[in-house]
C-alpha atoms as a PDB file:
ATOM      1  CA  MET A   1     -35.990  17.208  -6.173  1.00  0.00           C
ATOM      2  CA  LYS A   2     -33.537  19.246  -4.067  1.00  0.00           C
ATOM      3  CA  ASP A   3     -34.081  17.010  -1.146  1.00  0.00           C
ATOM      4  CA  THR A   4     -33.616  14.045  -3.249  1.00  0.00           C
ATOM      5  CA  GLY A   5     -30.412  15.115  -4.713  1.00  0.00           C
ATOM      6  CA  LYS A   6     -29.008  15.943  -1.240  1.00  0.00           C
ATOM      7  CA  LYS A   7     -30.064  12.243   0.354  1.00  0.00           C
ATOM      8  CA  ASN A   8     -28.351  10.687  -2.826  1.00  0.00           C
ATOM      9  CA  ILE A   9     -24.984  12.861  -1.972  1.00  0.00           C
ATOM     10  CA  ARG A  10     -25.393  11.903   1.641  1.00  0.00           C
ATOM     11  CA  ARG A  11     -25.657   8.068   0.779  1.00  0.00           C
ATOM     12  CA  ARG A  12     -22.861   8.198  -1.410  1.00  0.00           C
ATOM     13  CA  LEU A  13     -20.474   9.916   1.294  1.00  0.00           C
ATOM     14  CA  ASP A  14     -21.947   7.541   3.824  1.00  0.00           C
ATOM     15  CA  ALA A  15     -20.785   4.732   1.396  1.00  0.00           C
ATOM     16  CA  ALA A  16     -17.384   6.203   0.846  1.00  0.00           C
ATOM     17  CA  LEU A  17     -16.742   6.610   4.585  1.00  0.00           C
ATOM     18  CA  GLY A  18     -18.263   3.043   5.126  1.00  0.00           C
ATOM     19  CA  GLY A  19     -15.873   1.655   2.476  1.00  0.00           C
ATOM     20  CA  GLY A  20     -12.897   3.721   3.609  1.00  0.00           C
ATOM     21  CA  LEU A  21     -13.332   2.290   7.248  1.00  0.00           C
ATOM     22  CA  LEU A  22     -13.592  -1.355   5.890  1.00  0.00           C
ATOM     23  CA  LEU A  23     -10.499  -0.962   3.885  1.00  0.00           C
ATOM     24  CA  ALA A  24      -8.598   0.463   6.908  1.00  0.00           C
ATOM     25  CA  MET A  25      -9.742  -2.192   9.080  1.00  0.00           C
ATOM     26  CA  LEU A  26      -8.528  -4.883   6.588  1.00  0.00           C
ATOM     27  CA  LEU A  27      -5.290  -3.220   5.867  1.00  0.00           C
ATOM     28  CA  CYS A  28      -4.361  -2.283   9.244  1.00  0.00           C
ATOM     29  CA  PRO A  29      -3.747  -6.158  10.210  1.00  0.00           C
ATOM     30  CA  LEU A  30      -1.815  -6.449   6.910  1.00  0.00           C
ATOM     31  CA  ALA A  31       0.548  -3.667   7.549  1.00  0.00           C
ATOM     32  CA  GLY A  32       1.406  -5.588  10.716  1.00  0.00           C
ATOM     33  CA  PHE A  33       1.784  -8.762   8.775  1.00  0.00           C
ATOM     34  CA  GLY A  34       3.852  -6.925   6.218  1.00  0.00           C
ATOM     35  CA  GLN A  35       6.221  -5.404   8.861  1.00  0.00           C
ATOM     36  CA  ARG A  36       6.661  -9.126  10.197  1.00  0.00           C
ATOM     37  CA  CYS A  37       7.466 -10.225   6.855  1.00  0.00           C
ATOM     38  CA  ALA A  38      10.073  -7.421   6.603  1.00  0.00           C
ATOM     39  CA  GLN A  39      11.768  -8.802   9.755  1.00  0.00           C
ATOM     40  CA  VAL A  40      11.805 -12.081   8.661  1.00  0.00           C
ATOM     41  CA  ARG A  41      13.737 -11.439   5.404  1.00  0.00           C
ATOM     42  CA  GLU A  42      16.242  -9.505   7.379  1.00  0.00           C
ATOM     43  CA  ASP A  43      17.049 -12.544   9.459  1.00  0.00           C
ATOM     44  CA  VAL A  44      17.229 -15.370   6.918  1.00  0.00           C
ATOM     45  CA  LEU A  45      19.891 -16.557   4.494  1.00  0.00           C
ATOM     46  CA  ARG A  46      18.689 -18.424   1.368  1.00  0.00           C
ATOM     47  CA  LEU A  47      20.265 -20.815  -0.872  1.00  0.00           C
ATOM     48  CA  HIS A  48      20.185 -20.269  -4.525  1.00  0.00           C
ATOM     49  CA  ILE A  49      21.682 -22.860  -7.203  1.00  0.00           C
ATOM     50  CA  LEU A  50      21.409 -21.882 -11.067  1.00  0.00           C
ATOM     51  CA  ALA A  51      22.018 -24.925 -13.436  1.00  0.00           C
ATOM     52  CA  ASN A  52      24.086 -24.737 -16.431  1.00  0.00           C
ATOM     53  CA  SER A  53      20.865 -25.269 -18.716  1.00  0.00           C
ATOM     54  CA  ASP A  54      17.463 -27.069 -18.692  1.00  0.00           C
ATOM     55  CA  SER A  55      18.869 -30.002 -20.313  1.00  0.00           C
ATOM     56  CA  PRO A  56      18.247 -33.360 -18.060  1.00  0.00           C
ATOM     57  CA  GLU A  57      21.724 -33.703 -17.618  1.00  0.00           C
ATOM     58  CA  ASP A  58      22.393 -30.364 -16.113  1.00  0.00           C
ATOM     59  CA  GLN A  59      19.341 -30.207 -14.019  1.00  0.00           C
ATOM     60  CA  ALA A  60      20.574 -33.622 -12.633  1.00  0.00           C
ATOM     61  CA  LEU A  61      23.944 -32.163 -11.869  1.00  0.00           C
ATOM     62  CA  LYS A  62      22.444 -29.199 -10.068  1.00  0.00           C
ATOM     63  CA  LEU A  63      20.714 -31.411  -7.654  1.00  0.00           C
ATOM     64  CA  LEU A  64      24.010 -33.508  -7.019  1.00  0.00           C
ATOM     65  CA  VAL A  65      25.550 -30.139  -6.237  1.00  0.00           C
ATOM     66  CA  ARG A  66      22.721 -29.310  -3.856  1.00  0.00           C
ATOM     67  CA  ASP A  67      23.054 -32.502  -2.089  1.00  0.00           C
ATOM     68  CA  ALA A  68      26.816 -32.219  -1.717  1.00  0.00           C
ATOM     69  CA  VAL A  69      26.651 -28.540  -0.635  1.00  0.00           C
ATOM     70  CA  LEU A  70      23.624 -29.416   1.980  1.00  0.00           C
ATOM     71  CA  GLU A  71      25.342 -32.514   3.195  1.00  0.00           C
ATOM     72  CA  GLU A  72      28.892 -30.822   4.012  1.00  0.00           C
ATOM     73  CA  THR A  73      27.708 -27.269   5.167  1.00  0.00           C
ATOM     74  CA  GLY A  74      24.648 -28.399   7.104  1.00  0.00           C
ATOM     75  CA  GLU A  75      26.249 -28.199  10.317  1.00  0.00           C
ATOM     76  CA  LEU A  76      27.967 -25.143   9.718  1.00  0.00           C
ATOM     77  CA  PHE A  77      24.888 -23.167   9.138  1.00  0.00           C
ATOM     78  CA  SER A  78      22.508 -25.049  11.594  1.00  0.00           C
ATOM     79  CA  THR A  79      24.767 -24.090  14.602  1.00  0.00           C
ATOM     80  CA  ALA A  80      24.911 -20.040  13.302  1.00  0.00           C
ATOM     81  CA  GLY A  81      22.638 -18.706  15.818  1.00  0.00           C
ATOM     82  CA  ASP A  82      21.866 -15.520  13.885  1.00  0.00           C
ATOM     83  CA  LEU A  83      22.008 -14.163  10.495  1.00  0.00           C
ATOM     84  CA  GLU A  84      25.010 -12.097  10.872  1.00  0.00           C
ATOM     85  CA  THR A  85      27.178 -15.329  11.788  1.00  0.00           C
ATOM     86  CA  ALA A  86      25.238 -17.298   9.047  1.00  0.00           C
ATOM     87  CA  ARG A  87      26.426 -14.468   6.361  1.00  0.00           C
ATOM     88  CA  LYS A  88      29.955 -14.523   7.785  1.00  0.00           C
ATOM     89  CA  ARG A  89      30.277 -18.225   7.763  1.00  0.00           C
ATOM     90  CA  ALA A  90      29.058 -18.329   4.177  1.00  0.00           C
ATOM     91  CA  GLU A  91      31.434 -15.465   2.825  1.00  0.00           C
ATOM     92  CA  GLU A  92      34.372 -17.130   4.854  1.00  0.00           C
ATOM     93  CA  SER A  93      33.334 -20.515   3.394  1.00  0.00           C
ATOM     94  CA  LEU A  94      32.765 -19.539  -0.379  1.00  0.00           C
ATOM     95  CA  PRO A  95      36.152 -21.067  -1.642  1.00  0.00           C
ATOM     96  CA  ALA A  96      35.322 -24.152   0.255  1.00  0.00           C
ATOM     97  CA  ILE A  97      31.432 -24.221  -1.009  1.00  0.00           C
ATOM     98  CA  GLU A  98      32.678 -23.625  -4.671  1.00  0.00           C
ATOM     99  CA  GLU A  99      35.290 -26.381  -4.278  1.00  0.00           C
ATOM    100  CA  ILE A 100      32.390 -29.012  -2.928  1.00  0.00           C
ATOM    101  CA  ALA A 101      30.563 -27.980  -6.197  1.00  0.00           C
ATOM    102  CA  ARG A 102      33.536 -28.683  -8.612  1.00  0.00           C
ATOM    103  CA  ARG A 103      34.311 -31.762  -6.939  1.00  0.00           C
ATOM    104  CA  THR A 104      30.801 -33.027  -7.156  1.00  0.00           C
ATOM    105  CA  LEU A 105      30.874 -32.309 -11.002  1.00  0.00           C
ATOM    106  CA  ARG A 106      34.176 -33.538 -11.403  1.00  0.00           C
ATOM    107  CA  GLU A 107      33.150 -36.935  -9.826  1.00  0.00           C
ATOM    108  CA  ALA A 108      30.020 -36.820 -12.306  1.00  0.00           C
ATOM    109  CA  GLY A 109      32.522 -36.213 -15.280  1.00  0.00           C
ATOM    110  CA  GLN A 110      31.980 -32.499 -15.837  1.00  0.00           C
ATOM    111  CA  GLU A 111      34.676 -29.882 -15.880  1.00  0.00           C
ATOM    112  CA  THR A 112      32.475 -27.041 -15.282  1.00  0.00           C
ATOM    113  CA  SER A 113      32.906 -23.653 -13.716  1.00  0.00           C
ATOM    114  CA  VAL A 114      31.021 -22.736 -10.456  1.00  0.00           C
ATOM    115  CA  LYS A 115      30.826 -19.306  -8.922  1.00  0.00           C
ATOM    116  CA  GLY A 116      29.778 -18.488  -5.437  1.00  0.00           C
ATOM    117  CA  GLU A 117      28.745 -15.272  -3.845  1.00  0.00           C
ATOM    118  CA  VAL A 118      26.713 -13.922  -0.966  1.00  0.00           C
ATOM    119  CA  THR A 119      24.167 -11.366  -2.457  1.00  0.00           C
ATOM    120  CA  ARG A 120      20.890  -9.996  -2.002  1.00  0.00           C
ATOM    121  CA  MET A 121      17.904 -10.977  -4.365  1.00  0.00           C
ATOM    122  CA  TYR A 122      14.485 -11.422  -4.959  1.00  0.00           C
ATOM    123  CA  PHE A 123      12.507 -14.450  -4.139  1.00  0.00           C
ATOM    124  CA  ASN A 124       8.955 -15.364  -4.712  1.00  0.00           C
ATOM    125  CA  THR A 125       6.731 -16.680  -1.890  1.00  0.00           C
ATOM    126  CA  ARG A 126       7.817 -20.097  -1.269  1.00  0.00           C
ATOM    127  CA  GLN A 127       6.927 -23.261   1.080  1.00  0.00           C
ATOM    128  CA  TYR A 128       9.594 -25.430   2.646  1.00  0.00           C
ATOM    129  CA  GLY A 129       7.734 -28.204   4.376  1.00  0.00           C
ATOM    130  CA  ASP A 130       5.233 -26.781   6.647  1.00  0.00           C
ATOM    131  CA  GLU A 131       6.736 -23.181   6.641  1.00  0.00           C
ATOM    132  CA  THR A 132       5.944 -20.392   4.058  1.00  0.00           C
ATOM    133  CA  LEU A 133       8.410 -17.718   3.384  1.00  0.00           C
ATOM    134  CA  PRO A 134       7.201 -14.085   2.082  1.00  0.00           C
ATOM    135  CA  ALA A 135       8.317 -12.706  -1.296  1.00  0.00           C
ATOM    136  CA  GLY A 136      10.892 -10.208  -1.185  1.00  0.00           C
ATOM    137  CA  GLU A 137      14.770  -9.515  -1.091  1.00  0.00           C
ATOM    138  CA  TYR A 138      16.908 -11.863   1.029  1.00  0.00           C
ATOM    139  CA  GLU A 139      20.490 -12.393   1.581  1.00  0.00           C
ATOM    140  CA  ALA A 140      21.334 -15.342  -0.254  1.00  0.00           C
ATOM    141  CA  LEU A 141      24.385 -17.857  -0.849  1.00  0.00           C
ATOM    142  CA  ARG A 142      24.155 -18.192  -4.635  1.00  0.00           C
ATOM    143  CA  LEU A 143      25.903 -20.697  -6.899  1.00  0.00           C
ATOM    144  CA  THR A 144      25.997 -20.370 -10.554  1.00  0.00           C
ATOM    145  CA  ILE A 145      26.869 -23.287 -12.501  1.00  0.00           C
ATOM    146  CA  GLY A 146      28.521 -22.893 -16.214  1.00  0.00           C
ATOM    147  CA  GLU A 147      26.412 -20.508 -18.311  1.00  0.00           C
ATOM    148  CA  ALA A 148      23.703 -20.603 -15.650  1.00  0.00           C
ATOM    149  CA  LYS A 149      20.796 -20.535 -18.079  1.00  0.00           C
ATOM    150  CA  GLY A 150      19.009 -23.371 -16.549  1.00  0.00           C
ATOM    151  CA  GLN A 151      16.162 -23.522 -14.162  1.00  0.00           C
ATOM    152  CA  ASN A 152      17.223 -22.779 -10.529  1.00  0.00           C
ATOM    153  CA  TRP A 153      16.747 -24.472  -7.042  1.00  0.00           C
ATOM    154  CA  TRP A 154      16.381 -22.473  -3.760  1.00  0.00           C
ATOM    155  CA  CYS A 155      16.011 -23.100  -0.093  1.00  0.00           C
ATOM    156  CA  VAL A 156      16.688 -21.607   3.198  1.00  0.00           C
ATOM    157  CA  MET A 157      20.278 -22.335   4.937  1.00  0.00           C
ATOM    158  CA  PHE A 158      19.528 -20.111   7.805  1.00  0.00           C
ATOM    159  CA  PRO A 159      17.381 -20.866   9.649  1.00  0.00           C
ATOM    160  CA  PRO A 160      18.094 -24.464   8.440  1.00  0.00           C
ATOM    161  CA  LEU A 161      14.659 -25.454   6.880  1.00  0.00           C
ATOM    162  CA  CYS A 162      16.727 -27.496   4.272  1.00  0.00           C
ATOM    163  CA  VAL A 163      19.814 -28.680   5.647  1.00  0.00           C
ATOM    164  CA  PRO A 164      20.033 -32.408   6.636  1.00  0.00           C
ATOM    165  CA  ALA A 165      22.010 -31.774   9.854  1.00  0.00           C
ATOM    166  CA  ALA A 166      19.914 -30.767  12.694  1.00  0.00           C
ATOM    167  CA  ALA A 167      20.792 -28.508  15.538  1.00  0.00           C
ATOM    168  CA  PRO A 168      22.258 -29.963  18.491  1.00  0.00           C
ATOM    169  CA  GLU A 169      19.715 -31.656  20.756  1.00  0.00           C
ATOM    170  CA  GLY A 170      18.268 -29.409  23.259  1.00  0.00           C
ATOM    171  CA  GLU A 171      19.153 -26.320  21.412  1.00  0.00           C
ATOM    172  CA  GLU A 172      16.391 -23.609  21.557  1.00  0.00           C
ATOM    173  CA  SER A 173      14.852 -22.397  18.186  1.00  0.00           C
ATOM    174  CA  SER A 174      16.146 -19.559  16.675  1.00  0.00           C
ATOM    175  CA  GLN A 175      14.585 -16.099  16.578  1.00  0.00           C
ATOM    176  CA  ALA A 176      14.161 -16.516  12.877  1.00  0.00           C
ATOM    177  CA  LYS A 177      12.613 -19.852  13.120  1.00  0.00           C
ATOM    178  CA  GLU A 178      10.185 -18.543  15.569  1.00  0.00           C
ATOM    179  CA  GLU A 179       9.194 -15.351  13.365  1.00  0.00           C
ATOM    180  CA  ILE A 180       8.864 -17.723  10.481  1.00  0.00           C
ATOM    181  CA  GLU A 181       6.283 -19.958  12.526  1.00  0.00           C
ATOM    182  CA  ALA A 182       4.565 -16.991  13.873  1.00  0.00           C
ATOM    183  CA  LEU A 183       3.789 -15.700  10.177  1.00  0.00           C
ATOM    184  CA  ASN A 184       2.397 -19.195   9.382  1.00  0.00           C
ATOM    185  CA  GLU A 185       0.119 -19.034  12.274  1.00  0.00           C
ATOM    186  CA  GLN A 186      -1.685 -15.900  11.333  1.00  0.00           C
ATOM    187  CA  PRO A 187      -5.331 -16.255  10.267  1.00  0.00           C
ATOM    188  CA  HIS A 188      -5.618 -16.171   6.445  1.00  0.00           C
ATOM    189  CA  TYR A 189      -2.049 -16.030   6.313  1.00  0.00           C
ATOM    190  CA  ARG A 190      -2.082 -17.710   2.546  1.00  0.00           C
ATOM    191  CA  LEU A 191      -4.102 -14.490   1.411  1.00  0.00           C
ATOM    192  CA  ALA A 192      -1.585 -12.258   3.452  1.00  0.00           C
ATOM    193  CA  PHE A 193       1.290 -13.850   1.866  1.00  0.00           C
ATOM    194  CA  ALA A 194      -0.128 -13.309  -1.879  1.00  0.00           C
ATOM    195  CA  THR A 195      -0.998  -9.805  -1.033  1.00  0.00           C
ATOM    196  CA  VAL A 196       2.582  -9.125   0.282  1.00  0.00           C
ATOM    197  CA  GLU A 197       3.867 -10.906  -3.089  1.00  0.00           C
ATOM    198  CA  TRP A 198       1.803  -8.646  -5.121  1.00  0.00           C
ATOM    199  CA  VAL A 199       3.139  -5.572  -3.586  1.00  0.00           C
ATOM    200  CA  GLU A 200       6.597  -6.680  -3.287  1.00  0.00           C
ATOM    201  CA  GLU A 201       6.404  -7.376  -7.168  1.00  0.00           C
ATOM    202  CA  LEU A 202       4.985  -3.723  -7.637  1.00  0.00           C
ATOM    203  CA  LEU A 203       8.016  -2.362  -5.704  1.00  0.00           C
ATOM    204  CA  ALA A 204      10.314  -4.534  -7.373  1.00  0.00           C
ATOM    205  CA  ALA A 205       8.845  -3.500 -11.029  1.00  0.00           C
ATOM    206  CA  GLY A 206       9.383   0.083 -10.063  1.00  0.00           C
END
């Protein structure tokens, strides 16, 4: 009986060590993926627009503001080169961007307030075309319309994943764009993004 008990203990220890080794093998690549996600977050400027309400009219106005802002600021951000430049341009252009939004609303027959700011905020995992960005906190150009109680819309201003104005022909891809593309080329990247989002949500809740 004693020998049987020792064998059972040994089997449990072997199983625990094997499970720990397997978990370590799984987590090591994920840790590297998480570090690359963290770097992407530090090199990206998001755009976030919050509608006045969820009424069809206010949601339509939100999209009008989106289209006008992207159209008139596309080149400003597509030629930024790096996040520091993009952030500086966003901060310097806030009054002009707010006016673009107000003018768009006035032309639609609405005298609604608009507030712009450059801030850090949490985003879930999102896909833009062929590229997916990990969940976490990002720098963001944020526009709130009226009471800001409606559904939001968001995209990426830098690197320009949603702006219509393309970078000048022949210009090299930015480091941030290359980092995003590298993340999306990782094996099983969808599972990795889901795991990163789970971890980020736990951290945000804590």
